[in-house]
Amino acid sequence: MNVAEKTYCESSFFERVLANKNKKEKGVYGILYRFLSKQCDIVLDMEKTDFLKLCKEKPLYKQLFKRANLSFRAIPTWKENVDFSDNVDKIYLYDSKTRKECEKIREAKGCLAISGEEQDVLYFERLGRVHYFNLVPKSDQIEDKNITYHNSWEEFFATFKLPPLNAIIISDNFLFGDKFQQRKERSLYAILKAMAPKDLKEDLHITIFAENSNSTLTKERAQEVIAEINPSLTL
């Protein structure tokens, strides 16, 4: 089951998405519309009476309003009450802010704020790309022009732009195995340091899921790991 993203959208931005969703030359709007319609609770900045009128008159509004398990509503004052420090699963789509203003919000608050400027809308398209990689021991590496090897997590994450984030989730059944002590600096701690946003002004929340059927990770050891992670993220 997908978690609904609460998306606060200026109505002028939203109307542009609807107007361009089927235009090939404006392909990113089609991607954005599919995302909004299939995964988002949408909030528009308009009066409730105007909104309900549009839901009766405009087919796309009516369709979004009738979706199961996803809401579509109007809060005319949402821009006056934005709290960027409480932004889990929240997205902000602005026409009234510039690309630079939204970029500062993304960097400092770790949340997704996008302006109506074309380059910023295209930024949303890049976020949907999935990155795959394989871990290959140095002894097994071969010379191949189609293969790029990275010698550290920092090198790997430098090859693409991470989305704004204020939380990291890592799932690895074997993370806290017998060799954790030997590998922790170049594995877990290096990954976290490479991913941690440099300009984030909010707390970075880290959640780790790992196999512990043999009870090798005790409460005391977990507390040690947490204590070691904190200074490792000092940037």
Protein backbone atom coordinates (compact mmCIF):
# COMPACT_ATOMS: atom_id res chain seq x y z
CA MET A 1 0.00 0.00 0.00
CA ASN A 2 1.36 3.42 -0.94
CA VAL A 3 1.51 6.18 1.66
CA ALA A 4 -0.40 9.25 0.47
CA GLU A 5 1.75 12.32 -0.03
CA LYS A 6 -0.02 15.45 1.21
CA THR A 7 0.54 17.97 -1.58
CA TYR A 8 -0.13 21.66 -1.05
CA CYS A 9 -0.53 23.26 -4.44
CA GLU A 10 -1.19 26.81 -5.61
CA SER A 11 -4.21 26.67 -7.88
CA SER A 12 -2.43 28.42 -10.79
CA PHE A 13 0.27 25.72 -10.71
CA PHE A 14 -2.38 23.00 -10.49
CA GLU A 15 -4.31 24.40 -13.48
CA ARG A 16 -1.11 24.37 -15.55
CA VAL A 17 -0.55 20.73 -14.68
CA LEU A 18 -4.08 19.88 -15.87
CA ALA A 19 -3.70 21.93 -19.06
CA ASN A 20 -0.41 20.30 -20.06
CA LYS A 21 -0.75 16.73 -18.79
CA ASN A 22 -1.36 15.26 -22.29
CA LYS A 23 1.14 17.37 -24.24
CA LYS A 24 4.21 15.39 -25.31
CA GLU A 25 6.45 18.46 -25.35
CA LYS A 26 5.41 19.09 -21.73
CA GLY A 27 5.97 15.50 -20.65
CA VAL A 28 6.96 16.30 -17.08
CA TYR A 29 3.45 17.61 -16.42
CA GLY A 30 2.03 14.23 -17.39
CA ILE A 31 4.36 12.57 -14.89
CA LEU A 32 3.39 15.10 -12.24
CA TYR A 33 -0.34 14.64 -12.91
CA ARG A 34 -0.11 10.85 -12.65
CA PHE A 35 1.76 11.21 -9.37
CA LEU A 36 -0.79 13.69 -7.98
CA SER A 37 -3.80 11.69 -9.11
CA LYS A 38 -2.59 8.27 -7.96
CA GLN A 39 -0.63 9.01 -4.79
CA CYS A 40 -1.46 12.41 -3.32
CA ASP A 41 -3.90 14.05 -0.96
CA ILE A 42 -4.22 17.38 -2.78
CA VAL A 43 -4.85 20.73 -1.09
CA LEU A 44 -5.54 23.86 -3.21
CA ASP A 45 -5.41 27.50 -2.09
CA MET A 46 -8.95 28.53 -3.02
CA GLU A 47 -12.24 29.23 -1.33
CA LYS A 48 -14.28 26.13 -0.55
CA THR A 49 -17.36 27.36 -2.46
CA ASP A 50 -15.29 28.00 -5.62
CA PHE A 51 -13.61 24.64 -5.23
CA LEU A 52 -16.89 22.70 -4.87
CA LYS A 53 -18.27 24.50 -7.92
CA LEU A 54 -15.26 23.35 -9.98
CA CYS A 55 -15.72 19.79 -8.68
CA LYS A 56 -19.23 19.83 -10.16
CA GLU A 57 -18.35 21.54 -13.44
CA LYS A 58 -14.90 20.24 -14.41
CA PRO A 59 -14.53 16.50 -15.15
CA LEU A 60 -10.93 16.29 -13.89
CA TYR A 61 -11.82 18.00 -10.65
CA LYS A 62 -14.79 15.68 -10.24
CA GLN A 63 -12.61 12.64 -10.95
CA LEU A 64 -10.00 13.67 -8.38
CA PHE A 65 -12.68 14.51 -5.83
CA LYS A 66 -14.21 11.03 -6.10
CA ARG A 67 -10.99 9.05 -5.70
CA ALA A 68 -11.04 6.29 -3.09
CA ASN A 69 -8.69 6.70 -0.11
CA LEU A 70 -7.22 10.00 -1.39
CA SER A 71 -8.53 13.45 -0.53
CA PHE A 72 -8.94 16.55 -2.71
CA ARG A 73 -9.88 19.73 -0.90
CA ALA A 74 -9.42 23.48 -0.55
CA ILE A 75 -7.74 25.40 2.26
CA PRO A 76 -7.44 29.05 1.11
CA THR A 77 -4.98 29.97 3.89
CA TRP A 78 -2.59 27.01 3.74
CA LYS A 79 0.33 29.22 2.63
CA GLU A 80 -0.01 31.31 5.78
CA ASN A 81 0.36 28.30 8.06
CA VAL A 82 3.16 26.27 6.48
CA ASP A 83 5.47 24.64 9.00
CA PHE A 84 8.42 23.27 7.05
CA SER A 85 9.79 21.55 10.16
CA ASP A 86 6.72 19.26 10.13
CA ASN A 87 6.96 18.02 6.57
CA VAL A 88 6.91 14.22 6.56
CA ASP A 89 5.23 13.10 3.31
CA LYS A 90 4.45 16.70 2.33
CA ILE A 91 5.07 18.40 -1.01
CA TYR A 92 4.69 22.08 -1.87
CA LEU A 93 4.03 23.33 -5.43
CA TYR A 94 4.43 27.10 -5.76
CA ASP A 95 3.90 29.69 -8.47
CA SER A 96 4.55 32.54 -6.04
CA LYS A 97 8.09 31.42 -5.13
CA THR A 98 11.16 31.43 -7.37
CA ARG A 99 13.35 28.46 -8.14
CA LYS A 100 16.04 29.79 -5.77
CA GLU A 101 13.55 30.21 -2.93
CA CYS A 102 12.33 26.63 -3.35
CA GLU A 103 15.89 25.37 -3.59
CA LYS A 104 16.69 26.96 -0.23
CA ILE A 105 13.63 25.28 1.33
CA ARG A 106 14.71 21.89 -0.06
CA GLU A 107 18.25 22.24 1.25
CA ALA A 108 17.45 23.66 4.69
CA LYS A 109 14.26 21.75 5.49
CA GLY A 110 14.74 18.51 3.55
CA CYS A 111 11.26 18.68 2.01
CA LEU A 112 10.12 18.83 -1.60
CA ALA A 113 9.19 22.37 -2.62
CA ILE A 114 8.98 23.11 -6.35
CA SER A 115 8.44 26.43 -8.11
CA GLY A 116 6.57 26.92 -11.37
CA GLU A 117 9.79 27.74 -13.24
CA GLU A 118 10.47 25.22 -15.99
CA GLN A 119 13.86 24.07 -14.69
CA ASP A 120 12.38 23.42 -11.26
CA VAL A 121 9.45 21.44 -12.69
CA LEU A 122 11.97 19.33 -14.62
CA TYR A 123 13.73 18.69 -11.30
CA PHE A 124 10.67 16.66 -10.28
CA GLU A 125 11.16 14.38 -13.30
CA ARG A 126 14.73 13.57 -12.23
CA LEU A 127 13.54 12.52 -8.79
CA GLY A 128 11.59 9.60 -10.28
CA ARG A 129 14.68 7.93 -11.69
CA VAL A 130 15.80 4.75 -9.96
CA HIS A 131 19.51 4.10 -9.43
CA TYR A 132 20.85 0.55 -9.42
CA PHE A 133 24.35 -0.64 -8.61
CA ASN A 134 26.29 -3.81 -7.82
CA LEU A 135 28.99 -4.30 -5.21
CA VAL A 136 32.02 -5.86 -6.91
CA PRO A 137 35.21 -6.87 -5.05
CA LYS A 138 38.32 -5.21 -6.51
CA SER A 139 39.71 -8.62 -7.39
CA ASP A 140 36.70 -9.25 -9.68
CA GLN A 141 36.73 -5.89 -11.46
CA ILE A 142 37.33 -6.00 -15.20
CA GLU A 143 38.19 -3.34 -17.75
CA ASP A 144 35.04 -2.49 -19.64
CA LYS A 145 34.16 0.91 -21.13
CA ASN A 146 30.51 0.31 -20.21
CA ILE A 147 31.25 -0.19 -16.52
CA THR A 148 32.13 2.55 -14.07
CA TYR A 149 33.65 1.61 -10.73
CA HIS A 150 33.51 3.83 -7.65
CA ASN A 151 35.95 3.45 -4.80
CA SER A 152 33.74 4.93 -2.10
CA TRP A 153 30.12 5.69 -1.27
CA GLU A 154 30.97 9.37 -1.54
CA GLU A 155 32.07 8.85 -5.16
CA PHE A 156 28.93 6.87 -5.96
CA PHE A 157 26.45 9.39 -4.52
CA ALA A 158 28.30 12.21 -6.28
CA THR A 159 27.19 10.76 -9.65
CA PHE A 160 23.57 11.91 -9.17
CA LYS A 161 21.62 14.46 -7.14
CA LEU A 162 19.79 13.07 -4.15
CA PRO A 163 16.27 14.37 -3.50
CA PRO A 164 15.77 16.67 -0.52
CA LEU A 165 15.60 14.55 2.61
CA ASN A 166 15.38 14.80 6.38
CA ALA A 167 15.20 11.04 7.00
CA ILE A 168 17.14 7.97 5.87
CA ILE A 169 15.94 4.35 6.05
CA ILE A 170 18.44 1.51 5.63
CA SER A 171 17.42 -2.15 5.42
CA ASP A 172 20.14 -4.81 5.49
CA ASN A 173 19.67 -8.22 7.11
CA PHE A 174 23.42 -8.80 7.37
CA LEU A 175 24.46 -5.33 8.50
CA PHE A 176 25.26 -6.25 12.11
CA GLY A 177 26.91 -9.57 11.36
CA ASP A 178 30.26 -10.86 12.60
CA LYS A 179 32.27 -8.44 10.44
CA PHE A 180 30.40 -5.26 11.35
CA GLN A 181 33.24 -3.97 13.54
CA GLN A 182 35.70 -4.38 10.65
CA ARG A 183 33.45 -2.84 8.01
CA LYS A 184 31.39 -0.19 9.85
CA GLU A 185 33.56 2.80 8.90
CA ARG A 186 33.52 2.07 5.18
CA SER A 187 29.98 0.67 5.05
CA LEU A 188 27.20 2.01 7.30
CA TYR A 189 28.94 5.15 8.55
CA ALA A 190 30.31 6.01 5.09
CA ILE A 191 26.85 5.58 3.48
CA LEU A 192 25.20 7.83 6.06
CA LYS A 193 27.85 10.51 5.76
CA ALA A 194 27.62 10.47 1.94
CA MET A 195 23.82 10.78 2.03
CA ALA A 196 23.46 13.33 4.83
CA PRO A 197 22.39 16.75 3.44
CA LYS A 198 25.13 19.32 3.98
CA ASP A 199 22.82 22.30 4.56
CA LEU A 200 19.96 20.67 6.47
CA LYS A 201 18.79 22.87 9.36
CA GLU A 202 16.42 20.25 10.80
CA ASP A 203 17.15 16.95 12.58
CA LEU A 204 18.11 14.05 10.33
CA HIS A 205 16.07 10.97 11.32
CA ILE A 206 17.77 7.60 10.70
CA THR A 207 15.98 4.24 10.85
CA ILE A 208 17.81 0.93 10.39
CA PHE A 209 16.17 -2.47 9.83
CA ALA A 210 18.45 -5.49 10.28
CA GLU A 211 18.31 -9.21 11.07
CA ASN A 212 19.04 -9.96 14.72
CA SER A 213 17.84 -13.56 15.12
CA ASN A 214 21.06 -14.52 16.92
CA SER A 215 20.73 -11.55 19.29
CA THR A 216 24.18 -10.27 18.30
CA LEU A 217 22.88 -6.70 18.42
CA THR A 218 22.14 -6.05 22.08
CA LYS A 219 20.57 -2.88 23.44
CA GLU A 220 23.98 -1.77 24.70
CA ARG A 221 25.62 -2.39 21.31
CA ALA A 222 22.84 -0.52 19.53
CA GLN A 223 23.42 2.45 21.83
CA GLU A 224 27.13 2.31 20.99
CA VAL A 225 26.34 2.37 17.26
CA ILE A 226 24.05 5.39 17.73
CA ALA A 227 26.79 7.16 19.69
CA GLU A 228 29.28 6.42 16.90
CA ILE A 229 26.91 7.58 14.14
CA ASN A 230 26.38 11.05 15.61
CA PRO A 231 30.01 12.27 15.33
CA SER A 232 30.46 10.44 12.01
CA LEU A 233 27.83 12.80 10.53
CA THR A 234 29.55 15.97 11.71
CA LEU A 235 30.08 17.84 8.45
